[in-house]
Amino acid sequence: MDLQANALDERGMVADFTEVKRALKAWIDETLDHRMLLHKDDPLAPLLKRQGEQFFLMDDNPTAESIAKLIYRHARTQDLPVFEVRVWETPTSCASYRE
């Protein structure tokens, strides 16, 4: 995640990464981690729900790009000065999102 601001805070930082992690980690753990990510129209969703499986429905296909966008938008709702979010699929491949 890249952060950006027009000025540094009183500590000389855009944001404290510990605070950024705290603001996002719980949401990511509760919402995305260890869950199947599905498009909201996926025909498996009703079956998985009946089986009590944990999953998360997305408005877009669950690509790395869409996941980066989802995290970016959540970070913005937390008033974090996020500029760009990158999601790594492999050690050499990532997707990023910024507005």
C-alpha atoms as a PDB file:
ATOM      1  CA  MET A   1       0.000   0.000   0.000  1.00  0.00           C
ATOM      2  CA  ASP A   2       1.298   3.428  -0.926  1.00  0.00           C
ATOM      3  CA  LEU A   3       0.298   6.422   1.158  1.00  0.00           C
ATOM      4  CA  GLN A   4       0.337  10.043   0.071  1.00  0.00           C
ATOM      5  CA  ALA A   5      -0.261  13.408   1.729  1.00  0.00           C
ATOM      6  CA  ASN A   6       0.404  17.050   0.986  1.00  0.00           C
ATOM      7  CA  ALA A   7       2.130  17.478   4.341  1.00  0.00           C
ATOM      8  CA  LEU A   8       3.660  15.336   7.063  1.00  0.00           C
ATOM      9  CA  ASP A   9       2.080  15.087  10.499  1.00  0.00           C
ATOM     10  CA  GLU A  10       3.682  16.329  13.732  1.00  0.00           C
ATOM     11  CA  ARG A  11       5.771  13.136  13.856  1.00  0.00           C
ATOM     12  CA  GLY A  12       7.127  13.734  10.348  1.00  0.00           C
ATOM     13  CA  MET A  13       5.077  10.931   8.776  1.00  0.00           C
ATOM     14  CA  VAL A  14       2.258  10.611   6.282  1.00  0.00           C
ATOM     15  CA  ALA A  15       0.819   7.952   8.600  1.00  0.00           C
ATOM     16  CA  ASP A  16       2.128   5.477  11.129  1.00  0.00           C
ATOM     17  CA  PHE A  17       2.187   2.066   9.444  1.00  0.00           C
ATOM     18  CA  THR A  18       1.223   0.472  12.766  1.00  0.00           C
ATOM     19  CA  GLU A  19      -1.999   2.505  12.731  1.00  0.00           C
ATOM     20  CA  VAL A  20      -2.613   1.650   9.072  1.00  0.00           C
ATOM     21  CA  LYS A  21      -2.144  -2.042   9.806  1.00  0.00           C
ATOM     22  CA  ARG A  22      -4.439  -1.848  12.820  1.00  0.00           C
ATOM     23  CA  ALA A  23      -7.146  -0.124  10.774  1.00  0.00           C
ATOM     24  CA  LEU A  24      -7.033  -2.649   7.931  1.00  0.00           C
ATOM     25  CA  LYS A  25      -5.884  -5.936   9.443  1.00  0.00           C
ATOM     26  CA  ALA A  26      -9.029  -6.686  11.438  1.00  0.00           C
ATOM     27  CA  TRP A  27     -11.250  -5.882   8.449  1.00  0.00           C
ATOM     28  CA  ILE A  28      -9.179  -8.016   6.071  1.00  0.00           C
ATOM     29  CA  ASP A  29      -9.053 -10.881   8.591  1.00  0.00           C
ATOM     30  CA  GLU A  30     -12.811 -10.747   9.229  1.00  0.00           C
ATOM     31  CA  THR A  31     -13.901 -10.110   5.634  1.00  0.00           C
ATOM     32  CA  LEU A  32     -11.446 -11.707   3.224  1.00  0.00           C
ATOM     33  CA  ASP A  33      -8.960 -13.983   4.961  1.00  0.00           C
ATOM     34  CA  HIS A  34      -9.642 -17.727   4.662  1.00  0.00           C
ATOM     35  CA  ARG A  35     -12.789 -17.088   2.657  1.00  0.00           C
ATOM     36  CA  MET A  36     -13.756 -18.035  -0.824  1.00  0.00           C
ATOM     37  CA  LEU A  37     -14.180 -14.853  -2.861  1.00  0.00           C
ATOM     38  CA  LEU A  38     -16.997 -15.056  -5.381  1.00  0.00           C
ATOM     39  CA  HIS A  39     -18.794 -12.775  -7.802  1.00  0.00           C
ATOM     40  CA  LYS A  40     -22.177 -11.805  -6.341  1.00  0.00           C
ATOM     41  CA  ASP A  41     -23.982 -13.729  -9.100  1.00  0.00           C
ATOM     42  CA  ASP A  42     -22.002 -16.946  -8.646  1.00  0.00           C
ATOM     43  CA  PRO A  43     -24.421 -19.889  -8.632  1.00  0.00           C
ATOM     44  CA  LEU A  44     -22.403 -21.576  -5.863  1.00  0.00           C
ATOM     45  CA  ALA A  45     -23.214 -18.861  -3.321  1.00  0.00           C
ATOM     46  CA  PRO A  46     -26.641 -20.213  -2.235  1.00  0.00           C
ATOM     47  CA  LEU A  47     -25.260 -23.738  -1.844  1.00  0.00           C
ATOM     48  CA  LEU A  48     -22.268 -22.522   0.149  1.00  0.00           C
ATOM     49  CA  LYS A  49     -24.547 -20.470   2.368  1.00  0.00           C
ATOM     50  CA  ARG A  50     -26.744 -23.504   3.086  1.00  0.00           C
ATOM     51  CA  GLN A  51     -23.620 -25.496   3.942  1.00  0.00           C
ATOM     52  CA  GLY A  52     -22.446 -22.812   6.377  1.00  0.00           C
ATOM     53  CA  GLU A  53     -19.297 -22.109   4.394  1.00  0.00           C
ATOM     54  CA  GLN A  54     -17.562 -18.782   4.808  1.00  0.00           C
ATOM     55  CA  PHE A  55     -17.321 -16.735   1.639  1.00  0.00           C
ATOM     56  CA  PHE A  56     -17.385 -13.124   0.503  1.00  0.00           C
ATOM     57  CA  LEU A  57     -19.428 -11.861  -2.419  1.00  0.00           C
ATOM     58  CA  MET A  58     -17.899  -9.184  -4.612  1.00  0.00           C
ATOM     59  CA  ASP A  59     -19.551  -6.862  -7.116  1.00  0.00           C
ATOM     60  CA  ASP A  60     -16.751  -7.669  -9.577  1.00  0.00           C
ATOM     61  CA  ASN A  61     -14.993 -10.905 -10.457  1.00  0.00           C
ATOM     62  CA  PRO A  62     -12.586 -11.762  -7.605  1.00  0.00           C
ATOM     63  CA  THR A  63      -9.387 -10.901  -9.447  1.00  0.00           C
ATOM     64  CA  ALA A  64      -6.300  -9.434  -7.821  1.00  0.00           C
ATOM     65  CA  GLU A  65      -7.269  -6.122  -9.425  1.00  0.00           C
ATOM     66  CA  SER A  66     -10.730  -6.213  -7.865  1.00  0.00           C
ATOM     67  CA  ILE A  67      -9.344  -7.189  -4.475  1.00  0.00           C
ATOM     68  CA  ALA A  68      -6.891  -4.267  -4.620  1.00  0.00           C
ATOM     69  CA  LYS A  69      -9.809  -1.960  -5.460  1.00  0.00           C
ATOM     70  CA  LEU A  70     -11.880  -3.355  -2.577  1.00  0.00           C
ATOM     71  CA  ILE A  71      -9.065  -2.833  -0.062  1.00  0.00           C
ATOM     72  CA  TYR A  72      -8.326   0.637  -1.442  1.00  0.00           C
ATOM     73  CA  ARG A  73     -11.940   1.731  -1.082  1.00  0.00           C
ATOM     74  CA  HIS A  74     -12.208   0.328   2.436  1.00  0.00           C
ATOM     75  CA  ALA A  75      -8.992   2.107   3.434  1.00  0.00           C
ATOM     76  CA  ARG A  76     -10.448   5.381   2.158  1.00  0.00           C
ATOM     77  CA  THR A  77     -13.564   4.869   4.325  1.00  0.00           C
ATOM     78  CA  GLN A  78     -11.173   4.665   7.278  1.00  0.00           C
ATOM     79  CA  ASP A  79      -9.713   8.071   6.320  1.00  0.00           C
ATOM     80  CA  LEU A  80      -6.346   6.554   5.506  1.00  0.00           C
ATOM     81  CA  PRO A  81      -4.247   8.602   3.057  1.00  0.00           C
ATOM     82  CA  VAL A  82      -3.964   5.683   0.657  1.00  0.00           C
ATOM     83  CA  PHE A  83      -2.678   6.421  -2.832  1.00  0.00           C
ATOM     84  CA  GLU A  84      -2.416   2.901  -4.243  1.00  0.00           C
ATOM     85  CA  VAL A  85      -2.995  -0.699  -3.132  1.00  0.00           C
ATOM     86  CA  ARG A  86      -1.080  -3.639  -4.587  1.00  0.00           C
ATOM     87  CA  VAL A  87      -2.126  -7.280  -4.272  1.00  0.00           C
ATOM     88  CA  TRP A  88       0.556  -9.849  -4.998  1.00  0.00           C
ATOM     89  CA  GLU A  89      -0.555 -13.080  -6.665  1.00  0.00           C
ATOM     90  CA  THR A  90       2.964 -14.532  -6.771  1.00  0.00           C
ATOM     91  CA  PRO A  91       6.379 -13.213  -5.753  1.00  0.00           C
ATOM     92  CA  THR A  92       6.729 -11.696  -9.230  1.00  0.00           C
ATOM     93  CA  SER A  93       3.145 -10.769 -10.199  1.00  0.00           C
ATOM     94  CA  CYS A  94       0.929  -8.118  -8.687  1.00  0.00           C
ATOM     95  CA  ALA A  95      -2.057  -5.960  -9.525  1.00  0.00           C
ATOM     96  CA  SER A  96      -2.582  -2.432  -8.266  1.00  0.00           C
ATOM     97  CA  TYR A  97      -5.446  -0.012  -7.917  1.00  0.00           C
ATOM     98  CA  ARG A  98      -5.566   3.758  -7.415  1.00  0.00           C
ATOM     99  CA  GLU A  99      -8.118   6.451  -8.170  1.00  0.00           C
END
